[in-house]
């Protein structure tokens, strides 16, 4: 598949607020991105505005505060999807098409049951949750991520294992927890840990480098199939080096560290 043939659905509802950046990020690597309201996929709109998920090659859930984050962050968005198009979402995943959730999008994927996705199926009930940050407040700051995946994830194929990426966070509920005491080891054994928070030198990440207290410093995970990824930091906000907090100190490239995430998924799609 050629880059110009890739169609990306950036799904939104009331309260999402990063859909513009997400669409522009995909377009900057050659894809055609369309911002699509959930009602357009559910047919709750004028006929000429209706869209079908099967017409897209990738699906992206942007950040924000969908439906005001009432009940739990991402819960209402996920409930509306499950009620109206769960079969379409599962088929999309089963076909190996990539799904990205950033920040609120990560929260939505967990509420949907697509993550952690140990069986690559949508769990009927969430098996994990993104809890309130240990600080008890919204954390908006630079962060350093270490890429941990061993090759499964569709969104990291062009990022070397162990690489450090500077990608900002902006969330109040980012602590990934599960009632399963073996949750972390299951993720690690199945190569589903994608990013961990790291200190500036790549070492351990105490607060504030781990902004939420997530166990084992987990910042992003993928499903067992590798085509669904959720992460709390915002790669779409650092597509150029000028968006880095330290941009005035000089960079070897004008590309920001977030661009490699989108280049990786385009490479994955090029091989389909």
Protein backbone atom coordinates (compact mmCIF):
# COMPACT_ATOMS: atom_id res chain seq x y z
CA UNK A 1 0.00 0.00 0.00
CA UNK A 2 1.35 3.40 -0.98
CA UNK A 3 1.35 6.24 1.55
CA UNK A 4 -1.01 8.37 -0.51
CA UNK A 5 -3.54 5.51 -0.51
CA UNK A 6 -3.65 5.21 3.29
CA UNK A 7 -6.90 6.52 4.78
CA UNK A 8 -6.97 7.26 8.49
CA UNK A 9 -10.11 7.76 10.56
CA UNK A 10 -9.49 10.14 13.47
CA UNK A 11 -12.57 9.50 15.55
CA UNK A 12 -14.02 12.23 17.76
CA UNK A 13 -17.00 13.18 19.90
CA UNK A 14 -17.79 16.12 22.15
CA UNK A 15 -14.82 16.79 24.42
CA UNK A 16 -11.99 15.41 22.28
CA UNK A 17 -9.52 18.22 21.61
CA UNK A 18 -6.44 16.75 19.91
CA UNK A 19 -8.02 15.55 16.68
CA UNK A 20 -6.46 18.35 14.61
CA UNK A 21 -2.93 17.50 15.75
CA UNK A 22 -3.55 13.78 15.25
CA UNK A 23 -4.84 14.25 11.71
CA UNK A 24 -1.97 16.59 10.82
CA UNK A 25 0.55 14.08 12.19
CA UNK A 26 -0.72 11.35 9.87
CA UNK A 27 -0.88 13.75 6.94
CA UNK A 28 2.71 14.85 7.55
CA UNK A 29 3.86 11.29 6.79
CA UNK A 30 1.77 11.05 3.63
CA UNK A 31 -1.56 9.59 4.73
CA UNK A 32 -5.01 11.03 4.12
CA UNK A 33 -6.65 11.68 7.49
CA UNK A 34 -10.30 12.49 8.08
CA UNK A 35 -11.78 13.70 11.35
CA UNK A 36 -14.94 11.63 11.76
CA UNK A 37 -17.57 12.06 14.46
CA UNK A 38 -18.78 8.85 16.07
CA UNK A 39 -22.33 9.66 14.92
CA UNK A 40 -21.12 9.49 11.31
CA UNK A 41 -19.98 5.90 11.86
CA UNK A 42 -23.21 5.02 13.67
CA UNK A 43 -25.39 6.50 10.93
CA UNK A 44 -26.86 9.10 13.28
CA UNK A 45 -26.45 11.88 10.74
CA UNK A 46 -27.54 13.04 7.31
CA UNK A 47 -27.01 10.30 4.68
CA UNK A 48 -24.31 12.26 2.83
CA UNK A 49 -22.25 12.54 6.04
CA UNK A 50 -22.31 8.84 6.92
CA UNK A 51 -18.98 7.00 7.00
CA UNK A 52 -18.07 3.30 7.18
CA UNK A 53 -15.15 2.14 9.31
CA UNK A 54 -14.24 -0.55 6.78
CA UNK A 55 -13.27 2.15 4.27
CA UNK A 56 -10.30 3.20 6.43
CA UNK A 57 -6.87 1.62 6.83
CA UNK A 58 -6.09 2.94 10.31
CA UNK A 59 -8.07 4.27 13.27
CA UNK A 60 -6.88 6.87 15.78
CA UNK A 61 -8.41 7.93 19.09
CA UNK A 62 -7.07 11.39 20.01
CA UNK A 63 -6.62 13.00 23.39
CA UNK A 64 -8.95 15.30 25.24
CA UNK A 65 -11.78 14.86 27.70
CA UNK A 66 -14.38 12.90 25.75
CA UNK A 67 -17.88 13.36 27.18
CA UNK A 68 -16.30 15.38 29.97
CA UNK A 69 -14.59 12.21 31.29
CA UNK A 70 -17.69 11.61 33.40
CA UNK A 71 -17.95 8.25 35.17
CA UNK A 72 -14.31 7.49 34.29
CA UNK A 73 -11.91 8.87 31.71
CA UNK A 74 -12.95 7.50 28.32
CA UNK A 75 -15.79 5.37 29.73
CA UNK A 76 -18.71 7.05 27.96
CA UNK A 77 -16.97 7.15 24.58
CA UNK A 78 -16.18 3.45 24.93
CA UNK A 79 -19.73 2.60 26.02
CA UNK A 80 -21.20 4.33 22.98
CA UNK A 81 -18.85 2.42 20.67
CA UNK A 82 -19.64 -0.91 22.31
CA UNK A 83 -23.37 -0.26 22.05
CA UNK A 84 -23.30 0.76 18.41
CA UNK A 85 -20.33 -0.72 16.55
CA UNK A 86 -18.43 -3.28 18.63
CA UNK A 87 -18.54 -5.84 15.78
CA UNK A 88 -17.08 -3.35 13.32
CA UNK A 89 -14.27 -2.44 15.71
CA UNK A 90 -13.43 -6.08 16.39
CA UNK A 91 -13.40 -6.88 12.67
CA UNK A 92 -11.11 -3.90 12.07
CA UNK A 93 -8.65 -5.28 14.64
CA UNK A 94 -8.97 -8.87 13.41
CA UNK A 95 -7.97 -7.72 9.91
CA UNK A 96 -4.70 -6.45 11.34
CA UNK A 97 -5.48 -2.80 10.74
CA UNK A 98 -3.66 -0.48 13.17
CA UNK A 99 -5.46 1.33 15.99
CA UNK A 100 -3.78 4.11 17.97
CA UNK A 101 -5.03 5.66 21.20
CA UNK A 102 -3.18 8.61 22.74
CA UNK A 103 -3.90 9.91 26.26
CA UNK A 104 -7.72 9.93 26.43
CA UNK A 105 -7.53 7.58 23.45
CA UNK A 106 -5.49 5.11 25.54
CA UNK A 107 -8.11 5.36 28.28
CA UNK A 108 -10.85 4.65 25.71
CA UNK A 109 -9.05 1.56 24.35
CA UNK A 110 -8.72 0.16 27.88
CA UNK A 111 -12.39 0.87 28.62
CA UNK A 112 -13.31 -0.80 25.33
CA UNK A 113 -11.45 -3.93 26.35
CA UNK A 114 -9.13 -3.76 23.31
CA UNK A 115 -6.19 -3.24 25.68
CA UNK A 116 -4.40 -5.03 27.17
CA UNK A 117 -5.93 -7.44 24.65
CA UNK A 118 -4.08 -10.57 25.73
CA UNK A 119 -6.25 -12.64 23.39
CA UNK A 120 -6.42 -9.98 20.63
CA UNK A 121 -10.16 -9.81 21.32
CA UNK A 122 -12.34 -7.13 22.85
CA UNK A 123 -12.86 -8.12 26.48
CA UNK A 124 -16.52 -7.83 27.56
CA UNK A 125 -15.40 -5.87 30.65
CA UNK A 126 -12.28 -3.74 31.19
CA UNK A 127 -9.43 -5.71 32.75
CA UNK A 128 -7.34 -2.63 33.58
CA UNK A 129 -7.81 1.10 34.09
CA UNK A 130 -5.91 4.36 33.96
CA UNK A 131 -6.13 5.67 37.52
CA UNK A 132 -5.60 9.14 38.97
CA UNK A 133 -1.98 10.29 39.02
CA UNK A 134 -0.17 9.77 42.31
CA UNK A 135 0.26 13.54 42.54
CA UNK A 136 -3.52 13.94 42.53
CA UNK A 137 -3.32 16.59 39.82
CA UNK A 138 -3.08 17.16 36.09
CA UNK A 139 0.52 16.72 34.93
CA UNK A 140 1.62 18.63 31.83
CA UNK A 141 5.36 18.32 31.32
CA UNK A 142 8.13 16.90 29.14
CA UNK A 143 8.83 13.19 29.58
CA UNK A 144 11.45 10.75 28.37
CA UNK A 145 10.29 7.39 27.01
CA UNK A 146 12.38 4.28 26.49
CA UNK A 147 11.18 2.01 23.70
CA UNK A 148 10.86 -1.49 25.13
CA UNK A 149 9.09 -3.53 22.45
CA UNK A 150 10.99 -6.41 20.87
CA UNK A 151 9.36 -6.10 17.44
CA UNK A 152 5.68 -6.91 17.76
CA UNK A 153 4.19 -3.41 17.77
CA UNK A 154 3.08 -1.86 14.47
CA UNK A 155 3.89 1.61 15.77
CA UNK A 156 7.58 1.11 16.64
CA UNK A 157 9.12 -0.69 13.67
CA UNK A 158 11.38 2.27 12.86
CA UNK A 159 12.41 2.87 16.50
CA UNK A 160 15.35 0.88 17.86
CA UNK A 161 14.77 -0.99 21.11
CA UNK A 162 16.18 1.02 24.00
CA UNK A 163 15.89 4.34 22.17
CA UNK A 164 14.98 7.38 24.24
CA UNK A 165 12.24 9.70 22.97
CA UNK A 166 11.28 13.10 24.32
CA UNK A 167 7.49 13.23 24.23
CA UNK A 168 5.25 15.43 26.43
CA UNK A 169 2.47 14.27 28.74
CA UNK A 170 -0.75 16.05 29.65
CA UNK A 171 -3.12 13.98 31.78
CA UNK A 172 -4.68 13.54 35.21
CA UNK A 173 -5.40 9.79 35.00
CA UNK A 174 -2.43 7.90 33.59
CA UNK A 175 -1.54 5.26 36.18
CA UNK A 176 -2.06 1.89 34.52
CA UNK A 177 -3.36 -0.64 37.05
CA UNK A 178 -5.12 -3.98 37.02
CA UNK A 179 -6.68 -6.23 39.67
CA UNK A 180 -4.61 -9.07 38.17
CA UNK A 181 -1.45 -9.44 40.32
CA UNK A 182 0.41 -10.87 37.31
CA UNK A 183 -0.62 -8.07 34.97
CA UNK A 184 2.85 -6.58 34.43
CA UNK A 185 4.58 -9.92 33.96
CA UNK A 186 1.93 -10.99 31.44
CA UNK A 187 2.54 -7.82 29.43
CA UNK A 188 6.29 -8.34 29.53
CA UNK A 189 6.14 -12.03 28.62
CA UNK A 190 3.88 -11.32 25.63
CA UNK A 191 6.05 -8.40 24.39
CA UNK A 192 3.20 -5.96 24.94
CA UNK A 193 5.11 -3.27 26.83
CA UNK A 194 5.92 -0.60 24.25
CA UNK A 195 7.15 2.45 26.19
CA UNK A 196 8.37 3.04 29.73
CA UNK A 197 9.05 6.36 31.41
CA UNK A 198 12.77 6.95 31.91
CA UNK A 199 14.96 9.51 33.58
CA UNK A 200 16.92 12.01 31.46
CA UNK A 201 19.83 9.53 31.17
CA UNK A 202 17.57 6.55 30.40
CA UNK A 203 17.70 5.20 33.93
CA UNK A 204 14.95 4.85 36.55
CA UNK A 205 12.13 7.38 36.45
CA UNK A 206 11.01 8.68 39.83
CA UNK A 207 8.47 11.51 39.91
CA UNK A 208 8.29 13.79 37.97
CA UNK A 209 9.84 11.69 35.17
CA UNK A 210 7.16 9.11 35.82
CA UNK A 211 4.34 11.66 35.99
CA UNK A 212 1.60 9.34 37.25
CA UNK A 213 3.18 6.53 39.29
CA UNK A 214 2.37 3.82 36.76
CA UNK A 215 3.88 0.50 38.00
CA UNK A 216 7.09 -0.48 36.24
CA UNK A 217 7.00 2.95 34.60
CA UNK A 218 4.67 1.79 31.84
CA UNK A 219 3.71 4.59 29.46
CA UNK A 220 2.36 2.59 26.51
CA UNK A 221 1.27 -0.94 25.66
CA UNK A 222 -0.01 -2.88 22.65
CA UNK A 223 -2.35 -5.85 22.27
CA UNK A 224 -1.05 -9.38 21.73
CA UNK A 225 -1.43 -9.00 17.96
CA UNK A 226 0.64 -5.80 18.00
CA UNK A 227 -1.71 -3.67 15.89
CA UNK A 228 -3.48 -1.83 18.75
CA UNK A 229 -1.38 0.57 20.80
CA UNK A 230 -2.25 2.97 23.60
CA UNK A 231 0.12 5.48 25.16
CA UNK A 232 -0.32 8.38 27.55
CA UNK A 233 2.33 10.79 26.12
CA UNK A 234 1.48 12.76 22.97
CA UNK A 235 3.71 11.91 19.96
CA UNK A 236 1.52 14.03 17.66
CA UNK A 237 2.68 17.12 19.57
CA UNK A 238 6.36 16.65 18.72
CA UNK A 239 6.41 15.99 14.99
CA UNK A 240 9.16 18.59 14.64
CA UNK A 241 12.13 19.35 16.89
CA UNK A 242 10.79 22.89 17.34
CA UNK A 243 8.07 21.48 19.57
CA UNK A 244 10.57 20.00 22.03
CA UNK A 245 11.00 21.79 25.34
CA UNK A 246 14.73 22.17 24.60
CA UNK A 247 14.43 23.18 20.95
CA UNK A 248 16.72 26.22 21.36
CA UNK A 249 19.68 23.98 22.27
CA UNK A 250 20.06 22.68 18.74
CA UNK A 251 19.07 19.38 17.14
CA UNK A 252 20.70 17.17 14.55
CA UNK A 253 17.37 16.87 12.73
CA UNK A 254 14.29 19.01 12.31
CA UNK A 255 12.16 15.93 13.02
CA UNK A 256 10.65 15.58 16.45
CA UNK A 257 10.75 12.30 18.34
CA UNK A 258 7.04 11.68 17.84
CA UNK A 259 7.37 11.43 14.07
CA UNK A 260 8.92 7.95 14.24
CA UNK A 261 5.69 6.55 15.71
CA UNK A 262 3.73 7.65 12.65
CA UNK A 263 6.46 6.69 10.20
CA UNK A 264 6.48 3.22 11.77
CA UNK A 265 2.78 2.62 11.25
CA UNK A 266 3.02 3.86 7.67
CA UNK A 267 5.84 1.37 7.11
CA UNK A 268 3.64 -1.36 8.61
CA UNK A 269 0.80 -0.44 6.25
CA UNK A 270 3.13 -0.31 3.24
CA UNK A 271 3.77 -4.05 3.71
CA UNK A 272 0.09 -5.03 3.81
